[in-house]
PDB file of N, CA and C in Angstrom:
ATOM      1  N   MET A   1      -5.832  18.770   4.455  1.00  0.00           N
ATOM      2  CA  MET A   1      -5.275  19.253   3.213  1.00  0.00           C
ATOM      3  C   MET A   1      -6.412  19.651   2.265  1.00  0.00           C
ATOM      4  N   LYS A   2      -6.256  20.800   1.624  1.00  0.00           N
ATOM      5  CA  LYS A   2      -7.280  21.290   0.704  1.00  0.00           C
ATOM      6  C   LYS A   2      -7.176  20.584  -0.642  1.00  0.00           C
ATOM      7  N   PRO A   3      -8.297  20.378  -1.297  1.00  0.00           N
ATOM      8  CA  PRO A   3      -8.241  19.850  -2.667  1.00  0.00           C
ATOM      9  C   PRO A   3      -7.631  20.897  -3.594  1.00  0.00           C
ATOM     10  N   ARG A   4      -7.112  20.440  -4.739  1.00  0.00           N
ATOM     11  CA  ARG A   4      -6.491  21.385  -5.667  1.00  0.00           C
ATOM     12  C   ARG A   4      -7.265  21.421  -6.968  1.00  0.00           C
ATOM     13  N   LEU A   5      -7.318  22.605  -7.535  1.00  0.00           N
ATOM     14  CA  LEU A   5      -7.933  22.819  -8.840  1.00  0.00           C
ATOM     15  C   LEU A   5      -6.808  22.784  -9.862  1.00  0.00           C
ATOM     16  N   ALA A   6      -6.666  21.650 -10.545  1.00  0.00           N
ATOM     17  CA  ALA A   6      -5.595  21.453 -11.518  1.00  0.00           C
ATOM     18  C   ALA A   6      -6.104  21.819 -12.906  1.00  0.00           C
ATOM     19  N   VAL A   7      -5.267  22.532 -13.658  1.00  0.00           N
ATOM     20  CA  VAL A   7      -5.645  23.008 -14.986  1.00  0.00           C
ATOM     21  C   VAL A   7      -4.672  22.458 -16.011  1.00  0.00           C
ATOM     22  N   PHE A   8      -5.208  21.986 -17.140  1.00  0.00           N
ATOM     23  CA  PHE A   8      -4.386  21.578 -18.284  1.00  0.00           C
ATOM     24  C   PHE A   8      -5.001  22.198 -19.523  1.00  0.00           C
ATOM     25  N   ARG A   9      -4.159  22.708 -20.399  1.00  0.00           N
ATOM     26  CA  ARG A   9      -4.686  23.263 -21.643  1.00  0.00           C
ATOM     27  C   ARG A   9      -3.955  22.650 -22.823  1.00  0.00           C
ATOM     28  N   SER A  10      -4.706  22.388 -23.866  1.00  0.00           N
ATOM     29  CA  SER A  10      -4.135  21.940 -25.130  1.00  0.00           C
ATOM     30  C   SER A  10      -4.409  23.037 -26.149  1.00  0.00           C
ATOM     31  N   ASN A  11      -4.142  22.768 -27.405  1.00  0.00           N
ATOM     32  CA  ASN A  11      -4.403  23.791 -28.416  1.00  0.00           C
ATOM     33  C   ASN A  11      -5.889  24.088 -28.573  1.00  0.00           C
ATOM     34  N   LYS A  12      -6.738  23.092 -28.341  1.00  0.00           N
ATOM     35  CA  LYS A  12      -8.174  23.277 -28.529  1.00  0.00           C
ATOM     36  C   LYS A  12      -8.971  23.288 -27.232  1.00  0.00           C
ATOM     37  N   PHE A  13      -8.566  22.497 -26.255  1.00  0.00           N
ATOM     38  CA  PHE A  13      -9.384  22.278 -25.071  1.00  0.00           C
ATOM     39  C   PHE A  13      -8.726  22.824 -23.813  1.00  0.00           C
ATOM     40  N   LEU A  14      -9.566  23.060 -22.829  1.00  0.00           N
ATOM     41  CA  LEU A  14      -9.131  23.476 -21.504  1.00  0.00           C
ATOM     42  C   LEU A  14      -9.764  22.503 -20.514  1.00  0.00           C
ATOM     43  N   TYR A  15      -8.936  21.856 -19.715  1.00  0.00           N
ATOM     44  CA  TYR A  15      -9.400  20.860 -18.751  1.00  0.00           C
ATOM     45  C   TYR A  15      -9.177  21.395 -17.342  1.00  0.00           C
ATOM     46  N   ALA A  16     -10.147  21.206 -16.475  1.00  0.00           N
ATOM     47  CA  ALA A  16     -10.023  21.590 -15.074  1.00  0.00           C
ATOM     48  C   ALA A  16     -10.539  20.438 -14.221  1.00  0.00           C
ATOM     49  N   GLN A  17      -9.767  20.083 -13.191  1.00  0.00           N
ATOM     50  CA  GLN A  17     -10.154  19.000 -12.284  1.00  0.00           C
ATOM     51  C   GLN A  17      -9.932  19.455 -10.854  1.00  0.00           C
ATOM     52  N   ILE A  18     -10.798  19.031  -9.966  1.00  0.00           N
ATOM     53  CA  ILE A  18     -10.552  19.207  -8.540  1.00  0.00           C
ATOM     54  C   ILE A  18     -10.136  17.853  -8.013  1.00  0.00           C
ATOM     55  N   ILE A  19      -8.901  17.801  -7.496  1.00  0.00           N
ATOM     56  CA  ILE A  19      -8.275  16.548  -7.081  1.00  0.00           C
ATOM     57  C   ILE A  19      -7.973  16.623  -5.589  1.00  0.00           C
ATOM     58  N   ASP A  20      -8.276  15.555  -4.882  1.00  0.00           N
ATOM     59  CA  ASP A  20      -7.958  15.466  -3.458  1.00  0.00           C
ATOM     60  C   ASP A  20      -7.269  14.138  -3.201  1.00  0.00           C
ATOM     61  N   GLY A  21      -5.991  14.193  -2.894  1.00  0.00           N
ATOM     62  CA  GLY A  21      -5.237  12.984  -2.577  1.00  0.00           C
ATOM     63  C   GLY A  21      -5.142  12.010  -3.733  1.00  0.00           C
ATOM     64  N   GLY A  22      -5.027  12.492  -4.945  1.00  0.00           N
ATOM     65  CA  GLY A  22      -4.910  11.616  -6.099  1.00  0.00           C
ATOM     66  C   GLY A  22      -6.235  11.127  -6.653  1.00  0.00           C
ATOM     67  N   LYS A  23      -7.340  11.534  -6.047  1.00  0.00           N
ATOM     68  CA  LYS A  23      -8.665  11.113  -6.502  1.00  0.00           C
ATOM     69  C   LYS A  23      -9.387  12.319  -7.105  1.00  0.00           C
ATOM     70  N   THR A  24      -9.854  12.174  -8.334  1.00  0.00           N
ATOM     71  CA  THR A  24     -10.570  13.258  -8.998  1.00  0.00           C
ATOM     72  C   THR A  24     -11.991  13.338  -8.454  1.00  0.00           C
ATOM     73  N   LEU A  25     -12.341  14.501  -7.924  1.00  0.00           N
ATOM     74  CA  LEU A  25     -13.671  14.703  -7.363  1.00  0.00           C
ATOM     75  C   LEU A  25     -14.624  15.323  -8.379  1.00  0.00           C
ATOM     76  N   VAL A  26     -14.125  16.280  -9.155  1.00  0.00           N
ATOM     77  CA  VAL A  26     -14.928  17.000 -10.139  1.00  0.00           C
ATOM     78  C   VAL A  26     -14.046  17.282 -11.343  1.00  0.00           C
ATOM     79  N   SER A  27     -14.589  17.157 -12.554  1.00  0.00           N
ATOM     80  CA  SER A  27     -13.800  17.506 -13.739  1.00  0.00           C
ATOM     81  C   SER A  27     -14.687  18.161 -14.789  1.00  0.00           C
ATOM     82  N   VAL A  28     -14.047  19.011 -15.600  1.00  0.00           N
ATOM     83  CA  VAL A  28     -14.729  19.740 -16.664  1.00  0.00           C
ATOM     84  C   VAL A  28     -13.758  19.878 -17.822  1.00  0.00           C
ATOM     85  N   ASN A  29     -14.260  19.755 -19.052  1.00  0.00           N
ATOM     86  CA  ASN A  29     -13.443  20.112 -20.211  1.00  0.00           C
ATOM     87  C   ASN A  29     -14.307  20.893 -21.178  1.00  0.00           C
ATOM     88  N   LYS A  30     -13.745  21.965 -21.675  1.00  0.00           N
ATOM     89  CA  LYS A  30     -14.462  22.843 -22.594  1.00  0.00           C
ATOM     90  C   LYS A  30     -13.556  23.166 -23.765  1.00  0.00           C
ATOM     91  N   GLN A  31     -14.165  23.325 -24.909  1.00  0.00           N
ATOM     92  CA  GLN A  31     -13.408  23.712 -26.087  1.00  0.00           C
ATOM     93  C   GLN A  31     -13.369  25.235 -26.154  1.00  0.00           C
ATOM     94  N   SER A  32     -12.213  25.778 -25.886  1.00  0.00           N
ATOM     95  CA  SER A  32     -11.892  27.205 -26.023  1.00  0.00           C
ATOM     96  C   SER A  32     -12.899  28.153 -25.365  1.00  0.00           C
ATOM     97  N   ASP A  33     -13.446  27.802 -24.215  1.00  0.00           N
ATOM     98  CA  ASP A  33     -14.293  28.727 -23.469  1.00  0.00           C
ATOM     99  C   ASP A  33     -13.950  28.642 -21.982  1.00  0.00           C
ATOM    100  N   PRO A  34     -12.930  29.377 -21.548  1.00  0.00           N
ATOM    101  CA  PRO A  34     -12.488  29.274 -20.157  1.00  0.00           C
ATOM    102  C   PRO A  34     -13.497  29.811 -19.156  1.00  0.00           C
ATOM    103  N   VAL A  35     -14.295  30.793 -19.531  1.00  0.00           N
ATOM    104  CA  VAL A  35     -15.278  31.348 -18.600  1.00  0.00           C
ATOM    105  C   VAL A  35     -16.346  30.306 -18.280  1.00  0.00           C
ATOM    106  N   ALA A  36     -16.843  29.612 -19.297  1.00  0.00           N
ATOM    107  CA  ALA A  36     -17.844  28.562 -19.070  1.00  0.00           C
ATOM    108  C   ALA A  36     -17.255  27.423 -18.245  1.00  0.00           C
ATOM    109  N   ALA A  37     -15.997  27.076 -18.498  1.00  0.00           N
ATOM    110  CA  ALA A  37     -15.349  26.011 -17.726  1.00  0.00           C
ATOM    111  C   ALA A  37     -15.210  26.415 -16.265  1.00  0.00           C
ATOM    112  N   GLY A  38     -14.824  27.664 -16.004  1.00  0.00           N
ATOM    113  CA  GLY A  38     -14.689  28.150 -14.630  1.00  0.00           C
ATOM    114  C   GLY A  38     -16.012  28.163 -13.894  1.00  0.00           C
ATOM    115  N   GLN A  39     -17.058  28.608 -14.567  1.00  0.00           N
ATOM    116  CA  GLN A  39     -18.379  28.635 -13.941  1.00  0.00           C
ATOM    117  C   GLN A  39     -18.880  27.224 -13.654  1.00  0.00           C
ATOM    118  N   GLU A  40     -18.659  26.310 -14.595  1.00  0.00           N
ATOM    119  CA  GLU A  40     -19.144  24.939 -14.423  1.00  0.00           C
ATOM    120  C   GLU A  40     -18.385  24.204 -13.322  1.00  0.00           C
ATOM    121  N   ILE A  41     -17.056  24.399 -13.248  1.00  0.00           N
ATOM    122  CA  ILE A  41     -16.279  23.719 -12.201  1.00  0.00           C
ATOM    123  C   ILE A  41     -16.688  24.251 -10.824  1.00  0.00           C
ATOM    124  N   ALA A  42     -16.964  25.553 -10.725  1.00  0.00           N
ATOM    125  CA  ALA A  42     -17.407  26.129  -9.452  1.00  0.00           C
ATOM    126  C   ALA A  42     -18.770  25.573  -9.060  1.00  0.00           C
ATOM    127  N   LYS A  43     -19.676  25.478 -10.015  1.00  0.00           N
ATOM    128  CA  LYS A  43     -21.019  24.954  -9.737  1.00  0.00           C
ATOM    129  C   LYS A  43     -20.954  23.506  -9.264  1.00  0.00           C
ATOM    130  N   LYS A  44     -20.171  22.681  -9.970  1.00  0.00           N
ATOM    131  CA  LYS A  44     -20.054  21.268  -9.586  1.00  0.00           C
ATOM    132  C   LYS A  44     -19.371  21.116  -8.228  1.00  0.00           C
ATOM    133  N   ALA A  45     -18.377  21.960  -7.958  1.00  0.00           N
ATOM    134  CA  ALA A  45     -17.677  21.883  -6.676  1.00  0.00           C
ATOM    135  C   ALA A  45     -18.608  22.251  -5.528  1.00  0.00           C
ATOM    136  N   LEU A  46     -19.386  23.296  -5.703  1.00  0.00           N
ATOM    137  CA  LEU A  46     -20.301  23.711  -4.641  1.00  0.00           C
ATOM    138  C   LEU A  46     -21.395  22.671  -4.404  1.00  0.00           C
ATOM    139  N   GLU A  47     -21.797  21.953  -5.453  1.00  0.00           N
ATOM    140  CA  GLU A  47     -22.766  20.864  -5.274  1.00  0.00           C
ATOM    141  C   GLU A  47     -22.192  19.756  -4.401  1.00  0.00           C
ATOM    142  N   ARG A  48     -20.870  19.562  -4.467  1.00  0.00           N
ATOM    143  CA  ARG A  48     -20.212  18.541  -3.644  1.00  0.00           C
ATOM    144  C   ARG A  48     -19.684  19.128  -2.338  1.00  0.00           C
ATOM    145  N   LYS A  49     -20.101  20.358  -2.024  1.00  0.00           N
ATOM    146  CA  LYS A  49     -19.731  21.050  -0.787  1.00  0.00           C
ATOM    147  C   LYS A  49     -18.227  21.329  -0.690  1.00  0.00           C
ATOM    148  N   ILE A  50     -17.598  21.603  -1.828  1.00  0.00           N
ATOM    149  CA  ILE A  50     -16.195  22.019  -1.868  1.00  0.00           C
ATOM    150  C   ILE A  50     -16.204  23.526  -2.078  1.00  0.00           C
ATOM    151  N   THR A  51     -15.675  24.275  -1.102  1.00  0.00           N
ATOM    152  CA  THR A  51     -15.695  25.733  -1.212  1.00  0.00           C
ATOM    153  C   THR A  51     -14.303  26.335  -1.352  1.00  0.00           C
ATOM    154  N   THR A  52     -13.285  25.659  -0.834  1.00  0.00           N
ATOM    155  CA  THR A  52     -11.929  26.195  -0.853  1.00  0.00           C
ATOM    156  C   THR A  52     -11.007  25.219  -1.559  1.00  0.00           C
ATOM    157  N   VAL A  53     -10.206  25.725  -2.489  1.00  0.00           N
ATOM    158  CA  VAL A  53      -9.259  24.900  -3.232  1.00  0.00           C
ATOM    159  C   VAL A  53      -7.923  25.635  -3.332  1.00  0.00           C
ATOM    160  N   VAL A  54      -6.908  24.891  -3.718  1.00  0.00           N
ATOM    161  CA  VAL A  54      -5.601  25.460  -4.046  1.00  0.00           C
ATOM    162  C   VAL A  54      -5.498  25.432  -5.564  1.00  0.00           C
ATOM    163  N   PHE A  55      -5.125  26.553  -6.172  1.00  0.00           N
ATOM    164  CA  PHE A  55      -5.077  26.647  -7.633  1.00  0.00           C
ATOM    165  C   PHE A  55      -3.741  26.121  -8.135  1.00  0.00           C
ATOM    166  N   ASP A  56      -3.787  25.029  -8.902  1.00  0.00           N
ATOM    167  CA  ASP A  56      -2.592  24.408  -9.488  1.00  0.00           C
ATOM    168  C   ASP A  56      -2.616  24.685 -10.982  1.00  0.00           C
ATOM    169  N   ARG A  57      -1.820  25.661 -11.410  1.00  0.00           N
ATOM    170  CA  ARG A  57      -1.838  26.053 -12.820  1.00  0.00           C
ATOM    171  C   ARG A  57      -0.815  25.286 -13.640  1.00  0.00           C
ATOM    172  N   ALA A  58      -0.125  24.335 -13.052  1.00  0.00           N
ATOM    173  CA  ALA A  58       0.782  23.404 -13.740  1.00  0.00           C
ATOM    174  C   ALA A  58       1.864  24.108 -14.553  1.00  0.00           C
ATOM    175  N   GLY A  59       2.380  25.198 -14.031  1.00  0.00           N
ATOM    176  CA  GLY A  59       3.466  25.890 -14.713  1.00  0.00           C
ATOM    177  C   GLY A  59       3.019  26.872 -15.774  1.00  0.00           C
ATOM    178  N   TYR A  60       1.725  26.912 -16.086  1.00  0.00           N
ATOM    179  CA  TYR A  60       1.229  27.888 -17.058  1.00  0.00           C
ATOM    180  C   TYR A  60       1.221  29.270 -16.413  1.00  0.00           C
ATOM    181  N   ARG A  61       1.519  30.292 -17.210  1.00  0.00           N
ATOM    182  CA  ARG A  61       1.485  31.657 -16.694  1.00  0.00           C
ATOM    183  C   ARG A  61       0.055  32.024 -16.329  1.00  0.00           C
ATOM    184  N   TYR A  62      -0.092  32.824 -15.290  1.00  0.00           N
ATOM    185  CA  TYR A  62      -1.416  33.292 -14.872  1.00  0.00           C
ATOM    186  C   TYR A  62      -1.812  34.440 -15.798  1.00  0.00           C
ATOM    187  N   HIS A  63      -2.286  34.059 -16.989  1.00  0.00           N
ATOM    188  CA  HIS A  63      -2.527  35.024 -18.050  1.00  0.00           C
ATOM    189  C   HIS A  63      -3.489  34.404 -19.055  1.00  0.00           C
ATOM    190  N   GLY A  64      -4.280  35.205 -19.706  1.00  0.00           N
ATOM    191  CA  GLY A  64      -5.145  34.706 -20.770  1.00  0.00           C
ATOM    192  C   GLY A  64      -6.219  33.751 -20.276  1.00  0.00           C
ATOM    193  N   ASN A  65      -6.294  32.571 -20.906  1.00  0.00           N
ATOM    194  CA  ASN A  65      -7.351  31.607 -20.590  1.00  0.00           C
ATOM    195  C   ASN A  65      -7.257  31.069 -19.172  1.00  0.00           C
ATOM    196  N   ILE A  66      -6.047  30.916 -18.637  1.00  0.00           N
ATOM    197  CA  ILE A  66      -5.889  30.427 -17.259  1.00  0.00           C
ATOM    198  C   ILE A  66      -6.480  31.442 -16.284  1.00  0.00           C
ATOM    199  N   LYS A  67      -6.198  32.718 -16.516  1.00  0.00           N
ATOM    200  CA  LYS A  67      -6.732  33.778 -15.659  1.00  0.00           C
ATOM    201  C   LYS A  67      -8.256  33.868 -15.785  1.00  0.00           C
ATOM    202  N   LYS A  68      -8.780  33.747 -17.000  1.00  0.00           N
ATOM    203  CA  LYS A  68     -10.231  33.800 -17.201  1.00  0.00           C
ATOM    204  C   LYS A  68     -10.927  32.663 -16.468  1.00  0.00           C
ATOM    205  N   LEU A  69     -10.351  31.459 -16.527  1.00  0.00           N
ATOM    206  CA  LEU A  69     -10.928  30.314 -15.822  1.00  0.00           C
ATOM    207  C   LEU A  69     -10.920  30.563 -14.317  1.00  0.00           C
ATOM    208  N   ALA A  70      -9.801  31.050 -13.786  1.00  0.00           N
ATOM    209  CA  ALA A  70      -9.695  31.302 -12.347  1.00  0.00           C
ATOM    210  C   ALA A  70     -10.680  32.381 -11.904  1.00  0.00           C
ATOM    211  N   ASP A  71     -10.786  33.457 -12.664  1.00  0.00           N
ATOM    212  CA  ASP A  71     -11.715  34.534 -12.309  1.00  0.00           C
ATOM    213  C   ASP A  71     -13.165  34.058 -12.337  1.00  0.00           C
ATOM    214  N   ALA A  72     -13.514  33.237 -13.332  1.00  0.00           N
ATOM    215  CA  ALA A  72     -14.881  32.716 -13.422  1.00  0.00           C
ATOM    216  C   ALA A  72     -15.179  31.754 -12.273  1.00  0.00           C
ATOM    217  N   ALA A  73     -14.193  30.948 -11.879  1.00  0.00           N
ATOM    218  CA  ALA A  73     -14.388  30.027 -10.752  1.00  0.00           C
ATOM    219  C   ALA A  73     -14.564  30.809  -9.453  1.00  0.00           C
ATOM    220  N   ARG A  74     -13.784  31.876  -9.283  1.00  0.00           N
ATOM    221  CA  ARG A  74     -13.944  32.723  -8.092  1.00  0.00           C
ATOM    222  C   ARG A  74     -15.318  33.382  -8.082  1.00  0.00           C
ATOM    223  N   ALA A  75     -15.736  33.887  -9.231  1.00  0.00           N
ATOM    224  CA  ALA A  75     -17.052  34.534  -9.324  1.00  0.00           C
ATOM    225  C   ALA A  75     -18.174  33.528  -9.047  1.00  0.00           C
ATOM    226  N   GLY A  76     -17.925  32.256  -9.372  1.00  0.00           N
ATOM    227  CA  GLY A  76     -18.903  31.204  -9.121  1.00  0.00           C
ATOM    228  C   GLY A  76     -18.970  30.752  -7.677  1.00  0.00           C
ATOM    229  N   GLY A  77     -18.037  31.220  -6.836  1.00  0.00           N
ATOM    230  CA  GLY A  77     -18.103  30.912  -5.412  1.00  0.00           C
ATOM    231  C   GLY A  77     -16.940  30.133  -4.838  1.00  0.00           C
ATOM    232  N   LEU A  78     -15.980  29.709  -5.669  1.00  0.00           N
ATOM    233  CA  LEU A  78     -14.807  29.004  -5.135  1.00  0.00           C
ATOM    234  C   LEU A  78     -13.832  29.997  -4.527  1.00  0.00           C
ATOM    235  N   LYS A  79     -13.166  29.588  -3.467  1.00  0.00           N
ATOM    236  CA  LYS A  79     -12.141  30.421  -2.833  1.00  0.00           C
ATOM    237  C   LYS A  79     -10.793  29.764  -3.040  1.00  0.00           C
ATOM    238  N   PHE A  80      -9.813  30.557  -3.486  1.00  0.00           N
ATOM    239  CA  PHE A  80      -8.442  30.049  -3.658  1.00  0.00           C
ATOM    240  C   PHE A  80      -7.603  30.658  -2.559  1.00  0.00           C
TER     241      PHE A  80
END
């Protein structure tokens, strides 16, 4: 089973975690900068030799900050 990249957003912050079987492997939180969060989560994941994930957007539309985070993570080397 592939780990999942779970995303949560609040009014100020954007949280991204890579979770495998209920255990958090990598996490990032950024204040209103989804591109930096996507790049950082990709960098940390690749350091732990995680290359492929399933994108869990938690019901949020694939638009705006969620899309920017996903695009930055893909550009950083993660495969969804």
